[in-house]
Amino acid sequence: MAQRQVGETAQESRIPVVVAAGQCVERGGGVDVVDLAARAAGEALDLAPKLADDLDRLSFVDALSPTGKAPAATLARRLGLRPTVVEKSTIGGNTPQWLVARAAADIAAGGLATTLVVGAEAIASRRARTAPSTAPAADLEPDPVVGDGRDGVSPQEAAVGLGLPIHVYPMLESALAHRHGRSHEQQRAELGRLLAPFTEVAAQHPQAWFPAARTADEIARPASDNRLTAEPYTLRMNAVLAVDQGAALLVTSLAAARRAGVADRAVFVWSGAQANDAWFVPTRPELDRSPGIAAAGGAALEAAGIEVDGLDRFDLYSCFPVAVEFATEALGVAVDDPRGLTVTGGLPYFGGPGNNYTTHGIATLTDVLREEGGTGLATGLGWFATKHAVGIYGATPPPRGFVAGDTDGAQAAIDANALELADTHEGNAVVDAATVAYDREGAVTAAPAYLRLPDGRRLVAAANPDELAGLAGAQLVGATVHVSGEVPTYRVSSAPPTDTRHEEPT
């Protein structure tokens, strides 16, 4: 940790700020994760070069692309950095915000001066087979791992082949649509209106993967170039993982920023809070909302001493539309709020670089606040709307200094209310959430469901294979089904309501 200088106030040495951010996008392929992370980190460090020699910690956001055992140490070596600590995170889109809040808390406690949070994805290069094959140096030890590394898929879900975000998030959307009394077609129309403004923001962002504005109809209407993926989602409603993007944040104390001559670039970290929903999705009593986001968001706002109406900007995590809907409801923000819900354009349009999207969100948010002033809120989530992190940032110092939000009581209540999961069942059950998944040719491939048993327990089940084709377009939530088998499968025992016939994707 850097030593405090004569004349520097103790208060300033404990005020956390973001002084620089770097973002990059590579459209030509031929890059790996460390390449992109180095570009982004180099851009951030170029804005505050004197902080490079005083780096206490380098935190590398876990990547889906191969990085070897020591991406943080490899990056530090490539950039000539000598941080006291190198580490990488566990999986989860919540981790960048969690890492920033953790750094801010350490700075406020006097245990840290400067840290670099950095991550990247090179999935586009991997899929194009242009990513370089690089082996980490043999002399590097594995990076220590920080964060909550629990598996997000329950054994019961794994048993029926359920565990992909492209299936689980549409199931949550189905529960929300059912609460509002909407068919799949009606819900798609609502989601098109929700997401069209996101595309307009992405169209103006220099690092966006798809910088093109689209209409609500272009997003919502199934078509040959916008096939249905899993009810009610079309392709343009899904996060895009196949990107080559990197982002980095330089977090330090106001005192260190003054020493480095970059205090005029300071954006203040006002507060941060974390909470989880019931860990496994089918154990959540209500599948159409997120008490975890409500807990983290409420705690962050309370800690910062600000009401949601007093915020100027938002960047809400948007891997799938339901994540945005959960966040707006939990925070008390209208889906058409004139302040906007994203500063990047969101994961389906800006790009969804694995666990690192929120680094881009915070980077863009702090750049906007640095230019425009005001305050902003960023969210991140991991697994299946499971792990939540919320941060509040301001162009001016926080009235209370940095405060970590307290979610202990709310978390205990969430955990205590989790439902019991059953392994098998013979008899009737009611569908609480479900989706119908399609292949590229429009054929039904699966129809997983979360079912409520007569005794109140939940069961995870798959549709009987011989019924799959007949489930196309079906909104199953609320239907009664018959379950059997050691690995639970269901048959529809009362005709489910269906959408008006839609154009099948090709």
Protein backbone atom coordinates (compact mmCIF):
# COMPACT_ATOMS: atom_id res chain seq x y z
CA MET A 1 0.00 0.00 0.00
CA ALA A 2 1.30 3.47 -0.90
CA GLN A 3 2.29 5.64 2.06
CA ARG A 4 0.30 8.77 2.88
CA GLN A 5 2.26 11.97 2.19
CA VAL A 6 2.73 15.01 4.45
CA GLY A 7 -0.18 17.43 3.99
CA GLU A 8 -2.52 14.78 2.68
CA THR A 9 -5.65 14.41 4.73
CA ALA A 10 -6.56 11.11 6.30
CA GLN A 11 -10.08 11.62 4.96
CA GLU A 12 -8.90 11.83 1.34
CA SER A 13 -6.84 8.68 1.73
CA ARG A 14 -10.07 6.84 2.53
CA ILE A 15 -12.30 8.21 -0.23
CA PRO A 16 -12.56 5.70 -3.11
CA VAL A 17 -12.74 7.02 -6.65
CA VAL A 18 -12.61 5.71 -10.21
CA VAL A 19 -10.08 7.85 -12.05
CA ALA A 20 -9.79 6.04 -15.36
CA ALA A 21 -11.41 3.41 -17.52
CA GLY A 22 -10.38 1.66 -20.70
CA GLN A 23 -12.50 -0.20 -23.24
CA CYS A 24 -11.64 -1.91 -26.48
CA VAL A 25 -13.31 -3.90 -29.23
CA GLU A 26 -11.58 -5.97 -31.92
CA ARG A 27 -13.60 -6.63 -35.06
CA GLY A 28 -10.86 -8.30 -37.08
CA GLY A 29 -10.36 -11.36 -34.88
CA GLY A 30 -7.01 -12.91 -34.06
CA VAL A 31 -6.93 -11.92 -30.38
CA ASP A 32 -7.00 -13.69 -27.04
CA VAL A 33 -8.32 -12.60 -23.66
CA VAL A 34 -5.03 -11.25 -22.34
CA ASP A 35 -4.49 -9.27 -25.56
CA LEU A 36 -7.77 -7.46 -25.05
CA ALA A 37 -7.31 -7.05 -21.31
CA ALA A 38 -3.88 -5.53 -21.95
CA ARG A 39 -5.34 -3.02 -24.40
CA ALA A 40 -8.09 -1.97 -22.01
CA ALA A 41 -5.80 -1.83 -18.98
CA GLY A 42 -3.17 0.09 -20.96
CA GLU A 43 -5.77 2.65 -21.97
CA ALA A 44 -6.83 3.17 -18.36
CA LEU A 45 -3.25 3.38 -17.09
CA ASP A 46 -2.31 5.86 -19.83
CA LEU A 47 -4.87 8.23 -18.33
CA ALA A 48 -3.20 7.98 -14.89
CA PRO A 49 0.36 6.78 -15.58
CA LYS A 50 1.76 7.66 -12.17
CA LEU A 51 -0.54 5.13 -10.51
CA ALA A 52 0.97 2.20 -12.40
CA ASP A 53 3.91 1.95 -10.01
CA ASP A 54 1.68 2.12 -6.93
CA LEU A 55 -0.69 -0.71 -7.82
CA ASP A 56 -1.70 -2.69 -4.74
CA ARG A 57 -4.02 -5.19 -6.43
CA LEU A 58 -4.84 -6.45 -9.91
CA SER A 59 -8.22 -8.21 -10.07
CA PHE A 60 -8.93 -10.19 -13.26
CA VAL A 61 -12.58 -10.97 -14.03
CA ASP A 62 -12.95 -14.68 -14.81
CA ALA A 63 -13.28 -15.37 -18.53
CA LEU A 64 -15.24 -18.00 -20.44
CA SER A 65 -12.44 -18.14 -23.01
CA PRO A 66 -9.25 -20.04 -22.11
CA THR A 67 -6.81 -17.93 -20.11
CA GLY A 68 -4.57 -20.47 -18.43
CA LYS A 69 -4.01 -20.69 -14.72
CA ALA A 70 -2.72 -17.17 -14.15
CA PRO A 71 -4.36 -14.48 -16.33
CA ALA A 72 -3.83 -11.75 -13.73
CA ALA A 73 -0.14 -12.54 -13.27
CA THR A 74 0.30 -12.92 -17.03
CA LEU A 75 -1.29 -9.53 -17.65
CA ALA A 76 0.82 -7.87 -14.94
CA ARG A 77 3.98 -9.28 -16.52
CA ARG A 78 2.96 -8.20 -20.01
CA LEU A 79 2.31 -4.62 -18.87
CA GLY A 80 5.36 -4.43 -16.60
CA LEU A 81 3.20 -3.98 -13.49
CA ARG A 82 4.19 -5.13 -10.01
CA PRO A 83 1.00 -5.25 -7.96
CA THR A 84 1.25 -6.54 -4.41
CA VAL A 85 -1.66 -8.93 -5.06
CA VAL A 86 -2.93 -10.58 -8.24
CA GLU A 87 -6.21 -12.51 -8.28
CA LYS A 88 -9.04 -13.66 -10.49
CA SER A 89 -12.73 -13.82 -9.74
CA THR A 90 -15.23 -16.63 -9.78
CA ILE A 91 -17.89 -16.82 -12.50
CA GLY A 92 -20.67 -14.25 -12.57
CA GLY A 93 -21.64 -10.98 -14.20
CA ASN A 94 -21.96 -9.53 -10.70
CA THR A 95 -18.24 -9.86 -10.06
CA PRO A 96 -16.96 -6.59 -11.63
CA GLN A 97 -19.29 -4.48 -9.46
CA TRP A 98 -18.52 -6.70 -6.47
CA LEU A 99 -14.78 -6.21 -7.06
CA VAL A 100 -15.18 -2.43 -7.28
CA ALA A 101 -17.26 -2.30 -4.09
CA ARG A 102 -14.76 -4.56 -2.34
CA ALA A 103 -11.90 -2.30 -3.40
CA ALA A 104 -13.84 0.78 -2.27
CA ALA A 105 -14.49 -0.79 1.13
CA ASP A 106 -10.80 -1.65 1.49
CA ILE A 107 -9.81 1.90 0.56
CA ALA A 108 -12.33 3.33 3.03
CA ALA A 109 -10.89 1.05 5.73
CA GLY A 110 -7.35 2.22 4.99
CA GLY A 111 -6.13 -1.14 3.68
CA LEU A 112 -5.74 -0.30 -0.01
CA ALA A 113 -4.67 2.61 -2.17
CA THR A 114 -4.96 1.57 -5.83
CA THR A 115 -6.40 -1.39 -7.71
CA LEU A 116 -7.02 -2.37 -11.31
CA VAL A 117 -10.17 -4.31 -12.19
CA VAL A 118 -9.89 -5.77 -15.68
CA GLY A 119 -11.41 -8.44 -17.88
CA ALA A 120 -12.07 -9.46 -21.47
CA GLU A 121 -13.60 -12.07 -23.75
CA ALA A 122 -12.35 -13.33 -27.12
CA ILE A 123 -15.17 -15.73 -27.99
CA ALA A 124 -15.57 -14.29 -31.49
CA SER A 125 -11.94 -15.06 -32.27
CA ARG A 126 -12.29 -18.54 -30.79
CA ARG A 127 -15.35 -19.34 -32.90
CA ALA A 128 -13.62 -18.03 -36.01
CA ARG A 129 -10.57 -20.14 -35.07
CA THR A 130 -8.37 -17.06 -35.23
CA ALA A 131 -7.53 -16.78 -31.52
CA PRO A 132 -3.79 -17.27 -30.97
CA SER A 133 -2.70 -20.33 -29.04
CA THR A 134 -0.72 -18.97 -26.11
CA ALA A 135 0.44 -20.91 -23.10
CA PRO A 136 0.97 -19.13 -19.77
CA ALA A 137 4.51 -18.94 -18.48
CA ALA A 138 5.41 -22.10 -16.60
CA ASP A 139 6.99 -20.18 -13.74
CA LEU A 140 3.76 -18.40 -12.76
CA GLU A 141 1.72 -19.72 -9.87
CA PRO A 142 -2.05 -20.01 -10.33
CA ASP A 143 -3.89 -16.80 -9.53
CA PRO A 144 -5.75 -16.93 -6.19
CA VAL A 145 -9.52 -17.02 -6.75
CA VAL A 146 -11.95 -14.68 -4.97
CA GLY A 147 -15.75 -14.62 -4.88
CA ASP A 148 -18.61 -17.06 -4.48
CA GLY A 149 -17.80 -20.09 -6.61
CA ARG A 150 -20.85 -22.26 -5.93
CA ASP A 151 -22.40 -24.00 -8.93
CA GLY A 152 -25.61 -22.30 -9.97
CA VAL A 153 -27.37 -25.39 -11.33
CA SER A 154 -29.22 -27.71 -8.94
CA PRO A 155 -28.83 -31.50 -9.27
CA GLN A 156 -32.53 -31.69 -10.10
CA GLU A 157 -32.11 -29.30 -13.03
CA ALA A 158 -29.02 -31.10 -14.25
CA ALA A 159 -30.91 -34.42 -14.18
CA VAL A 160 -33.36 -33.19 -16.85
CA GLY A 161 -30.69 -31.40 -18.90
CA LEU A 162 -31.62 -27.90 -17.77
CA GLY A 163 -28.83 -25.47 -17.00
CA LEU A 164 -28.31 -23.06 -19.91
CA PRO A 165 -29.16 -19.37 -19.49
CA ILE A 166 -30.93 -19.39 -22.87
CA HIS A 167 -33.53 -21.74 -21.33
CA VAL A 168 -33.66 -20.65 -17.67
CA TYR A 169 -34.16 -16.92 -18.28
CA PRO A 170 -37.10 -17.45 -20.65
CA MET A 171 -38.68 -19.60 -17.93
CA LEU A 172 -38.47 -16.68 -15.53
CA GLU A 173 -39.93 -14.46 -18.26
CA SER A 174 -42.85 -16.88 -18.62
CA ALA A 175 -43.74 -16.46 -14.96
CA LEU A 176 -43.63 -12.68 -15.29
CA ALA A 177 -45.77 -12.75 -18.44
CA HIS A 178 -48.30 -14.99 -16.69
CA ARG A 179 -48.58 -12.54 -13.80
CA HIS A 180 -49.45 -9.82 -16.31
CA GLY A 181 -51.88 -12.07 -18.17
CA ARG A 182 -49.93 -11.98 -21.42
CA SER A 183 -49.43 -14.58 -24.11
CA HIS A 184 -45.97 -15.17 -25.56
CA GLU A 185 -46.83 -12.96 -28.52
CA GLN A 186 -48.04 -10.14 -26.28
CA GLN A 187 -44.97 -10.44 -24.06
CA ARG A 188 -42.66 -10.29 -27.09
CA ALA A 189 -44.32 -7.06 -28.17
CA GLU A 190 -43.76 -5.58 -24.69
CA LEU A 191 -40.13 -6.66 -24.78
CA GLY A 192 -39.59 -5.13 -28.20
CA ARG A 193 -40.73 -1.79 -26.79
CA LEU A 194 -38.47 -2.26 -23.75
CA LEU A 195 -35.37 -3.07 -25.79
CA ALA A 196 -35.62 -0.73 -28.79
CA PRO A 197 -34.15 2.20 -26.79
CA PHE A 198 -31.22 -0.05 -25.83
CA THR A 199 -30.33 -0.43 -29.51
CA GLU A 200 -30.39 3.34 -29.94
CA VAL A 201 -27.81 3.70 -27.17
CA ALA A 202 -25.65 0.93 -28.64
CA ALA A 203 -25.74 2.67 -32.02
CA GLN A 204 -23.88 5.61 -30.43
CA HIS A 205 -21.32 3.64 -28.39
CA PRO A 206 -17.90 3.33 -30.06
CA GLN A 207 -17.20 -0.10 -28.53
CA ALA A 208 -20.62 -1.65 -29.26
CA TRP A 209 -20.60 -4.97 -31.10
CA PHE A 210 -23.89 -4.19 -32.91
CA PRO A 211 -24.02 -0.39 -33.29
CA ALA A 212 -27.38 -0.34 -35.06
CA ALA A 213 -30.73 1.04 -33.91
CA ARG A 214 -33.71 -1.29 -34.35
CA THR A 215 -37.44 -0.85 -33.99
CA ALA A 216 -39.54 -2.69 -31.44
CA ASP A 217 -41.05 -4.75 -34.26
CA GLU A 218 -37.63 -5.74 -35.61
CA ILE A 219 -36.72 -7.05 -32.15
CA ALA A 220 -40.01 -8.76 -31.34
CA ARG A 221 -41.19 -10.26 -34.63
CA PRO A 222 -39.94 -13.79 -35.36
CA ALA A 223 -38.36 -13.91 -38.81
CA SER A 224 -35.73 -15.71 -40.83
CA ASP A 225 -32.99 -13.50 -39.34
CA ASN A 226 -34.60 -13.28 -35.89
CA ARG A 227 -35.72 -16.80 -35.05
CA LEU A 228 -37.43 -17.85 -31.88
CA THR A 229 -34.88 -19.28 -29.48
CA ALA A 230 -36.98 -20.14 -26.42
CA GLU A 231 -40.46 -18.79 -25.71
CA PRO A 232 -41.03 -15.91 -25.56
CA TYR A 233 -37.59 -14.76 -26.75
CA THR A 234 -36.37 -14.05 -30.24
CA LEU A 235 -32.70 -14.12 -31.13
CA ARG A 236 -32.39 -10.34 -30.76
CA MET A 237 -33.44 -10.56 -27.12
CA ASN A 238 -30.47 -12.75 -26.13
CA ALA A 239 -27.08 -11.61 -24.83
CA VAL A 240 -24.38 -11.98 -27.48
CA LEU A 241 -21.38 -13.84 -26.07
CA ALA A 242 -19.44 -14.14 -29.34
CA VAL A 243 -17.60 -10.85 -29.03
CA ASP A 244 -14.00 -9.67 -28.70
CA GLN A 245 -14.13 -6.93 -26.06
CA GLY A 246 -12.15 -5.82 -23.03
CA ALA A 247 -12.60 -3.28 -20.24
CA ALA A 248 -10.67 -2.04 -17.21
CA LEU A 249 -11.24 0.28 -14.24
CA LEU A 250 -8.62 2.07 -12.16
CA VAL A 251 -9.93 2.48 -8.61
CA THR A 252 -7.89 4.45 -6.10
CA SER A 253 -8.15 6.87 -3.19
CA LEU A 254 -8.71 10.56 -3.73
CA ALA A 255 -5.38 11.18 -2.00
CA ALA A 256 -3.54 8.86 -4.41
CA ALA A 257 -5.34 10.55 -7.30
CA ARG A 258 -4.09 13.93 -6.09
CA ARG A 259 -0.51 12.65 -5.86
CA ALA A 260 -0.82 11.31 -9.38
CA GLY A 261 -2.22 14.58 -10.69
CA VAL A 262 -5.56 13.07 -11.76
CA ALA A 263 -7.89 14.19 -8.97
CA ASP A 264 -9.86 16.18 -11.56
CA ARG A 265 -10.81 12.84 -13.14
CA ALA A 266 -12.29 11.41 -9.94
CA VAL A 267 -15.73 9.82 -10.03
CA PHE A 268 -16.69 8.87 -6.48
CA VAL A 269 -17.85 5.44 -5.38
CA TRP A 270 -20.76 6.31 -3.10
CA SER A 271 -21.91 2.86 -2.06
CA GLY A 272 -22.16 -0.80 -2.99
CA ALA A 273 -24.27 -3.74 -1.88
CA GLN A 274 -24.60 -7.42 -2.68
CA ALA A 275 -27.36 -10.00 -2.19
CA ASN A 276 -28.43 -13.34 -3.63
CA ASP A 277 -31.81 -14.69 -4.57
CA ALA A 278 -32.55 -18.22 -3.35
CA TRP A 279 -29.54 -19.97 -4.84
CA PHE A 280 -31.23 -22.51 -7.10
CA VAL A 281 -33.93 -21.04 -9.32
CA PRO A 282 -36.62 -23.67 -8.65
CA THR A 283 -36.36 -23.04 -4.90
CA ARG A 284 -37.54 -19.42 -5.30
CA PRO A 285 -41.07 -18.95 -3.96
CA GLU A 286 -41.79 -16.29 -6.58
CA LEU A 287 -40.27 -16.81 -10.01
CA ASP A 288 -41.60 -13.53 -11.40
CA ARG A 289 -39.55 -11.10 -9.30
CA SER A 290 -36.16 -10.71 -7.59
CA PRO A 291 -35.98 -9.98 -3.86
CA GLY A 292 -32.18 -10.18 -4.23
CA ILE A 293 -32.05 -7.15 -6.51
CA ALA A 294 -34.53 -5.36 -4.24
CA ALA A 295 -32.32 -6.06 -1.22
CA ALA A 296 -29.06 -5.01 -2.88
CA GLY A 297 -30.57 -1.97 -4.58
CA GLY A 298 -32.37 -0.80 -1.47
CA ALA A 299 -29.26 -1.23 0.67
CA ALA A 300 -27.05 0.62 -1.82
CA LEU A 301 -29.48 3.55 -2.04
CA GLU A 302 -29.87 3.74 1.74
CA ALA A 303 -26.12 3.60 2.26
CA ALA A 304 -25.58 6.40 -0.25
CA GLY A 305 -28.33 8.52 1.29
CA ILE A 306 -30.12 9.00 -2.02
CA GLU A 307 -33.53 8.12 -3.41
CA VAL A 308 -33.89 6.40 -6.77
CA ASP A 309 -35.60 9.54 -8.10
CA GLY A 310 -32.42 11.46 -7.32
CA LEU A 311 -30.29 9.39 -9.69
CA ASP A 312 -29.42 10.73 -13.13
CA ARG A 313 -28.24 7.59 -14.96
CA PHE A 314 -28.65 3.82 -14.87
CA ASP A 315 -26.92 0.84 -16.35
CA LEU A 316 -29.07 -2.21 -15.62
CA TYR A 317 -27.72 -5.66 -16.39
CA SER A 318 -29.54 -6.94 -19.46
CA CYS A 319 -28.38 -10.44 -20.39
CA PHE A 320 -32.05 -11.20 -21.07
CA PRO A 321 -35.08 -8.91 -20.86
CA VAL A 322 -36.35 -10.39 -17.61
CA ALA A 323 -33.19 -9.20 -15.85
CA VAL A 324 -34.08 -5.63 -16.77
CA GLU A 325 -37.72 -6.12 -15.75
CA PHE A 326 -36.69 -7.57 -12.40
CA ALA A 327 -34.37 -4.62 -11.77
CA THR A 328 -36.83 -1.89 -12.74
CA GLU A 329 -39.53 -3.39 -10.53
CA ALA A 330 -37.14 -3.95 -7.61
CA LEU A 331 -35.75 -0.41 -7.83
CA GLY A 332 -39.05 1.33 -8.53
CA VAL A 333 -38.05 2.58 -11.98
CA ALA A 334 -40.44 2.64 -14.94
CA VAL A 335 -39.38 0.59 -17.97
CA ASP A 336 -39.80 3.74 -20.07
CA ASP A 337 -38.04 6.05 -17.59
CA PRO A 338 -36.78 9.10 -19.54
CA ARG A 339 -33.38 8.78 -17.87
CA GLY A 340 -32.84 5.55 -19.79
CA LEU A 341 -31.93 2.12 -18.44
CA THR A 342 -28.50 1.67 -20.04
CA VAL A 343 -25.46 3.74 -20.96
CA THR A 344 -23.90 1.05 -23.17
CA GLY A 345 -26.81 -0.48 -25.07
CA GLY A 346 -26.94 -3.71 -23.09
CA LEU A 347 -25.66 -7.23 -23.61
CA PRO A 348 -27.73 -8.12 -26.71
CA TYR A 349 -26.53 -5.02 -28.62
CA PHE A 350 -23.44 -3.56 -26.99
CA GLY A 351 -22.18 -7.11 -26.49
CA GLY A 352 -22.10 -9.63 -23.67
CA PRO A 353 -18.44 -10.38 -22.96
CA GLY A 354 -19.02 -13.19 -20.49
CA ASN A 355 -18.61 -12.13 -16.88
CA ASN A 356 -17.01 -8.81 -17.82
CA TYR A 357 -19.96 -6.82 -19.20
CA THR A 358 -20.45 -4.86 -15.97
CA THR A 359 -16.87 -3.56 -16.21
CA HIS A 360 -17.96 -1.94 -19.49
CA GLY A 361 -21.12 -0.68 -17.83
CA ILE A 362 -19.23 0.97 -14.96
CA ALA A 363 -16.54 2.28 -17.33
CA THR A 364 -19.14 3.97 -19.52
CA LEU A 365 -21.17 5.20 -16.55
CA THR A 366 -18.15 6.82 -14.90
CA ASP A 367 -17.12 8.39 -18.21
CA VAL A 368 -20.63 9.85 -18.57
CA LEU A 369 -20.65 11.18 -15.01
CA ARG A 370 -17.19 12.65 -15.49
CA GLU A 371 -18.49 14.57 -18.51
CA GLU A 372 -22.05 15.38 -17.47
CA GLY A 373 -21.97 15.35 -13.66
CA GLY A 374 -24.67 13.83 -11.48
CA THR A 375 -25.10 10.36 -10.02
CA GLY A 376 -25.63 6.91 -11.48
CA LEU A 377 -26.43 3.33 -10.53
CA ALA A 378 -25.01 0.15 -12.06
CA THR A 379 -26.17 -3.41 -11.51
CA GLY A 380 -24.57 -6.77 -12.24
CA LEU A 381 -25.88 -10.28 -11.82
CA GLY A 382 -24.49 -13.79 -11.97
CA TRP A 383 -25.82 -17.22 -12.81
CA PHE A 384 -29.61 -17.10 -13.30
CA ALA A 385 -30.50 -13.77 -11.70
CA THR A 386 -28.87 -15.36 -8.64
CA LYS A 387 -25.96 -13.17 -7.49
CA HIS A 388 -26.61 -9.43 -7.47
CA ALA A 389 -24.33 -6.43 -7.01
CA VAL A 390 -25.38 -2.78 -7.11
CA GLY A 391 -23.14 0.28 -7.05
CA ILE A 392 -23.85 4.01 -6.86
CA TYR A 393 -21.41 6.52 -8.32
CA GLY A 394 -21.26 10.32 -8.30
CA ALA A 395 -19.35 13.16 -9.90
CA THR A 396 -19.13 14.78 -6.45
CA PRO A 397 -18.05 13.34 -3.09
CA PRO A 398 -20.66 11.24 -1.28
CA PRO A 399 -22.30 13.02 1.65
CA ARG A 400 -21.47 10.11 3.97
CA GLY A 401 -18.26 8.87 2.41
CA PHE A 402 -18.29 5.39 0.92
CA VAL A 403 -20.73 3.11 2.77
CA ALA A 404 -21.22 -0.59 2.12
CA GLY A 405 -24.90 -1.48 2.14
CA ASP A 406 -26.10 -3.95 4.76
CA THR A 407 -28.15 -6.84 3.34
CA ASP A 408 -27.64 -9.38 6.12
CA GLY A 409 -31.23 -9.32 7.39
CA ALA A 410 -32.75 -9.38 3.91
CA GLN A 411 -30.46 -12.23 2.88
CA ALA A 412 -31.42 -14.30 5.89
CA ALA A 413 -35.10 -13.85 5.03
CA ILE A 414 -34.53 -14.79 1.38
CA ASP A 415 -32.64 -17.93 2.36
CA ALA A 416 -35.23 -18.92 4.98
CA ASN A 417 -38.06 -18.74 2.43
CA ALA A 418 -36.48 -21.07 -0.13
CA LEU A 419 -38.70 -23.95 -1.19
CA GLU A 420 -37.81 -27.61 -0.88
CA LEU A 421 -37.03 -29.43 -4.12
CA ALA A 422 -38.46 -32.87 -4.86
CA ASP A 423 -36.50 -35.41 -6.89
CA THR A 424 -39.44 -37.34 -8.32
CA HIS A 425 -43.23 -37.30 -8.32
CA GLU A 426 -46.06 -39.42 -9.65
CA GLY A 427 -49.25 -37.49 -10.30
CA ASN A 428 -50.49 -34.01 -11.14
CA ALA A 429 -48.63 -30.74 -10.70
CA VAL A 430 -49.11 -27.11 -11.76
CA VAL A 431 -46.63 -25.30 -14.03
CA ASP A 432 -45.07 -22.26 -12.34
CA ALA A 433 -42.62 -21.47 -15.15
CA ALA A 434 -41.77 -23.05 -18.49
CA THR A 435 -40.36 -22.43 -21.92
CA VAL A 436 -40.48 -24.08 -25.32
CA ALA A 437 -37.06 -24.14 -26.99
CA TYR A 438 -36.47 -24.30 -30.75
CA ASP A 439 -33.59 -25.24 -33.02
CA ARG A 440 -32.44 -23.17 -35.99
CA GLU A 441 -35.04 -24.80 -38.22
CA GLY A 442 -37.90 -23.98 -35.85
CA ALA A 443 -38.41 -27.48 -34.46
CA VAL A 444 -39.16 -27.84 -30.75
CA THR A 445 -36.17 -29.33 -28.96
CA ALA A 446 -37.19 -29.08 -25.30
CA ALA A 447 -39.87 -27.75 -22.97
CA PRO A 448 -38.47 -27.67 -19.41
CA ALA A 449 -40.73 -26.61 -16.55
CA TYR A 450 -40.66 -25.73 -12.87
CA LEU A 451 -43.69 -27.38 -11.30
CA ARG A 452 -45.51 -26.84 -8.00
CA LEU A 453 -46.53 -30.06 -6.28
CA PRO A 454 -49.67 -30.40 -4.14
CA ASP A 455 -47.53 -30.40 -0.96
CA GLY A 456 -45.88 -27.07 -1.91
CA ARG A 457 -42.53 -28.45 -3.01
CA ARG A 458 -41.07 -27.68 -6.43
CA LEU A 459 -40.12 -30.20 -9.09
CA VAL A 460 -38.03 -29.76 -12.23
CA ALA A 461 -39.33 -31.71 -15.20
CA ALA A 462 -38.91 -32.05 -18.95
CA ALA A 463 -41.72 -32.55 -21.45
CA ASN A 464 -42.37 -36.06 -22.62
CA PRO A 465 -40.53 -36.38 -25.96
CA ASP A 466 -43.59 -37.50 -27.90
CA GLU A 467 -45.43 -34.28 -26.93
CA LEU A 468 -42.69 -31.83 -27.95
CA ALA A 469 -43.89 -31.01 -31.45
CA GLY A 470 -47.38 -30.22 -30.17
CA LEU A 471 -46.05 -27.71 -27.64
CA ALA A 472 -44.90 -25.16 -30.23
CA GLY A 473 -46.17 -21.75 -29.15
CA ALA A 474 -47.65 -23.06 -25.90
CA GLN A 475 -47.81 -20.86 -22.81
CA LEU A 476 -47.76 -23.59 -20.17
CA VAL A 477 -47.71 -21.52 -16.98
CA GLY A 478 -50.80 -22.29 -14.94
CA ALA A 479 -51.51 -25.55 -16.77
CA THR A 480 -51.99 -28.83 -14.94
CA VAL A 481 -49.65 -31.57 -16.09
CA HIS A 482 -49.13 -35.19 -15.15
CA VAL A 483 -45.65 -36.16 -13.97
CA SER A 484 -44.00 -39.56 -13.87
CA GLY A 485 -40.60 -41.24 -14.09
CA GLU A 486 -37.46 -41.43 -12.00
CA VAL A 487 -36.14 -38.57 -14.15
CA PRO A 488 -39.32 -36.47 -14.10
CA THR A 489 -41.18 -35.93 -17.35
CA TYR A 490 -44.59 -34.40 -17.77
CA ARG A 491 -47.56 -34.72 -20.08
CA VAL A 492 -50.07 -31.94 -20.52
CA SER A 493 -53.26 -33.22 -18.94
CA SER A 494 -55.37 -30.19 -19.80
CA ALA A 495 -55.05 -28.31 -23.07
CA PRO A 496 -52.68 -25.34 -22.49
CA PRO A 497 -53.54 -21.93 -23.90
CA THR A 498 -51.55 -21.12 -27.04
CA ASP A 499 -50.54 -17.97 -28.83
CA THR A 500 -52.04 -16.83 -32.08
CA ARG A 501 -50.03 -18.57 -34.79
CA HIS A 502 -46.79 -16.78 -35.44
CA GLU A 503 -44.31 -16.90 -38.27
CA GLU A 504 -42.00 -19.84 -37.68
CA PRO A 505 -38.26 -19.05 -37.89
CA THR A 506 -36.25 -20.52 -40.72
